[in-house]
Amino acid sequence: MARHIYACPLRWSDMDAFGHVNNVVFLRYLEEARIDLTFTNAGAAGEKAFAEGSVVARHEIDYLRPLVYRPAPVTIETWLTRLGYASFTVAYEIKDEETVYVRASTVVVPYDLAAARPRRLSDSERAFLADYVEKAPVAA
């Protein structure tokens, strides 16, 4: 079991009027990490099927600490807590060495863009994703 690590740069424009990263921006960070796993990392491993499409069925986010702009990126650790035949659940932690800012999860459904309907995960997609399945962390 492995976790995918993504270094996410922060942008000055990510902050809101209260001086911290806006809650909506965290969804963008999660998307970038998820795309890095399912498109970039999977593509480098020879798995191209994810490019056929997927949709988000659910997001769940726990905001634990405020995050403010700084030049250093945050780390987003990504893994799977569930791997089904027609969906999978991605878990995330947005953090640095000292602090976990966000814990989140996303249910992803593979989608056939041409047919405009959900599809099943292919055997090769499941094999790729299986390396990232682990139990959900215990909340602190």
Protein backbone atom coordinates (compact mmCIF):
# COMPACT_ATOMS: atom_id res chain seq x y z
CA MET A 1 0.00 0.00 0.00
CA ALA A 2 1.33 3.39 -1.00
CA ARG A 3 0.28 6.99 -0.67
CA HIS A 4 0.56 9.36 -3.59
CA ILE A 5 2.40 12.58 -2.67
CA TYR A 6 1.62 15.83 -4.47
CA ALA A 7 3.36 19.16 -3.77
CA CYS A 8 0.68 21.82 -4.15
CA PRO A 9 1.83 25.43 -4.64
CA LEU A 10 -0.14 28.14 -2.89
CA ARG A 11 -1.19 31.29 -4.74
CA TRP A 12 -1.65 34.71 -3.18
CA SER A 13 -5.08 34.84 -4.82
CA ASP A 14 -6.12 31.68 -2.91
CA MET A 15 -6.60 33.74 0.24
CA ASP A 16 -9.89 35.36 1.14
CA ALA A 17 -10.73 38.58 2.99
CA PHE A 18 -10.01 36.85 6.31
CA GLY A 19 -6.35 36.24 5.38
CA HIS A 20 -6.41 32.46 4.94
CA VAL A 21 -6.94 30.08 2.04
CA ASN A 22 -10.63 30.12 1.13
CA ASN A 23 -12.56 26.93 1.83
CA VAL A 24 -13.60 26.57 -1.83
CA VAL A 25 -9.96 26.67 -2.96
CA PHE A 26 -9.28 23.48 -1.02
CA LEU A 27 -11.56 21.64 -3.48
CA ARG A 28 -9.26 22.81 -6.27
CA TYR A 29 -6.23 21.51 -4.34
CA LEU A 30 -7.93 18.13 -3.90
CA GLU A 31 -8.76 18.01 -7.59
CA GLU A 32 -5.14 18.74 -8.55
CA ALA A 33 -3.88 15.92 -6.32
CA ARG A 34 -6.54 13.48 -7.59
CA ILE A 35 -5.78 14.33 -11.23
CA ASP A 36 -2.07 13.93 -10.55
CA LEU A 37 -2.79 10.41 -9.25
CA THR A 38 -5.37 9.22 -11.80
CA PHE A 39 -4.05 10.93 -14.93
CA THR A 40 -0.38 11.85 -14.52
CA ASN A 41 0.80 9.01 -12.28
CA ALA A 42 -1.48 6.40 -13.86
CA GLY A 43 -0.46 7.55 -17.35
CA ALA A 44 3.23 7.25 -16.46
CA ALA A 45 2.47 3.68 -15.29
CA GLY A 46 0.83 2.91 -18.65
CA GLU A 47 -2.80 3.17 -17.48
CA LYS A 48 -4.68 5.40 -19.93
CA ALA A 49 -8.31 4.39 -19.19
CA PHE A 50 -8.87 7.16 -16.60
CA ALA A 51 -8.70 9.64 -19.49
CA GLU A 52 -12.02 8.18 -20.68
CA GLY A 53 -13.73 10.10 -17.90
CA SER A 54 -14.81 10.17 -14.29
CA VAL A 55 -17.14 12.29 -12.18
CA VAL A 56 -17.21 13.29 -8.54
CA ALA A 57 -20.20 11.86 -6.70
CA ARG A 58 -19.37 13.22 -3.24
CA HIS A 59 -16.87 15.41 -1.36
CA GLU A 60 -16.39 15.48 2.39
CA ILE A 61 -13.95 17.97 3.95
CA ASP A 62 -12.84 18.58 7.53
CA TYR A 63 -11.07 21.94 7.90
CA LEU A 64 -8.72 21.48 10.83
CA ARG A 65 -6.47 24.58 10.79
CA PRO A 66 -6.33 27.81 8.78
CA LEU A 67 -3.74 27.87 6.00
CA VAL A 68 -2.16 31.15 4.93
CA TYR A 69 -0.08 31.97 1.89
CA ARG A 70 3.61 31.16 2.01
CA PRO A 71 6.13 30.43 -0.77
CA ALA A 72 6.56 26.77 0.20
CA PRO A 73 3.98 24.33 -1.20
CA VAL A 74 1.82 22.14 1.00
CA THR A 75 1.92 18.38 0.70
CA ILE A 76 -1.20 16.49 -0.27
CA GLU A 77 -1.08 12.80 0.58
CA THR A 78 -3.64 10.78 -1.37
CA TRP A 79 -4.76 7.17 -0.95
CA LEU A 80 -7.89 5.06 -1.36
CA THR A 81 -10.11 3.91 1.47
CA ARG A 82 -12.49 1.95 -0.78
CA LEU A 83 -12.15 0.35 -4.19
CA GLY A 84 -15.37 -0.92 -5.72
CA TYR A 85 -16.24 -2.02 -9.23
CA ALA A 86 -18.15 1.15 -10.16
CA SER A 87 -16.61 3.72 -7.80
CA PHE A 88 -13.72 4.39 -5.46
CA THR A 89 -13.11 6.68 -2.50
CA VAL A 90 -10.02 8.87 -2.41
CA ALA A 91 -8.78 10.15 0.97
CA TYR A 92 -6.50 13.15 1.42
CA GLU A 93 -4.48 15.03 3.98
CA ILE A 94 -3.27 18.54 3.17
CA LYS A 95 -0.34 19.21 5.45
CA ASP A 96 3.22 20.22 6.05
CA GLU A 97 5.78 18.85 8.52
CA GLU A 98 4.06 20.35 11.57
CA THR A 99 0.37 20.68 10.75
CA VAL A 100 -2.52 18.85 9.09
CA TYR A 101 -4.80 21.56 7.65
CA VAL A 102 -7.46 19.44 5.96
CA ARG A 103 -8.67 15.83 5.89
CA ALA A 104 -11.03 15.01 3.05
CA SER A 105 -12.50 12.28 0.90
CA THR A 106 -14.02 12.09 -2.56
CA VAL A 107 -16.17 9.38 -4.12
CA VAL A 108 -15.23 9.07 -7.79
CA VAL A 109 -17.36 7.29 -10.39
CA PRO A 110 -15.83 6.26 -13.72
CA TYR A 111 -17.84 7.79 -16.54
CA ASP A 112 -18.26 6.99 -20.22
CA LEU A 113 -18.22 10.45 -21.82
CA ALA A 114 -19.45 9.20 -25.23
CA ALA A 115 -22.42 7.31 -23.75
CA ALA A 116 -23.01 9.95 -21.04
CA ARG A 117 -23.38 7.37 -18.27
CA PRO A 118 -21.40 5.77 -15.46
CA ARG A 119 -19.21 2.80 -16.33
CA ARG A 120 -17.40 0.05 -14.44
CA LEU A 121 -13.73 0.29 -13.59
CA SER A 122 -11.58 -1.74 -15.95
CA ASP A 123 -9.42 -4.53 -14.57
CA SER A 124 -6.29 -2.47 -15.32
CA GLU A 125 -7.72 0.59 -13.52
CA ARG A 126 -8.55 -1.55 -10.48
CA ALA A 127 -5.06 -3.09 -10.54
CA PHE A 128 -3.47 0.38 -10.62
CA LEU A 129 -5.68 1.72 -7.83
CA ALA A 130 -5.26 -1.38 -5.63
CA ASP A 131 -1.72 -0.25 -4.78
CA TYR A 132 -3.18 2.81 -3.04
CA VAL A 133 -5.87 1.16 -0.89
CA GLU A 134 -5.44 1.42 2.88
CA LYS A 135 -7.62 1.89 5.93
CA ALA A 136 -8.81 5.39 6.78
CA PRO A 137 -6.64 7.13 9.38
CA VAL A 138 -7.92 7.45 12.93
CA ALA A 139 -8.96 11.05 13.61
CA ALA A 140 -6.75 12.90 16.04
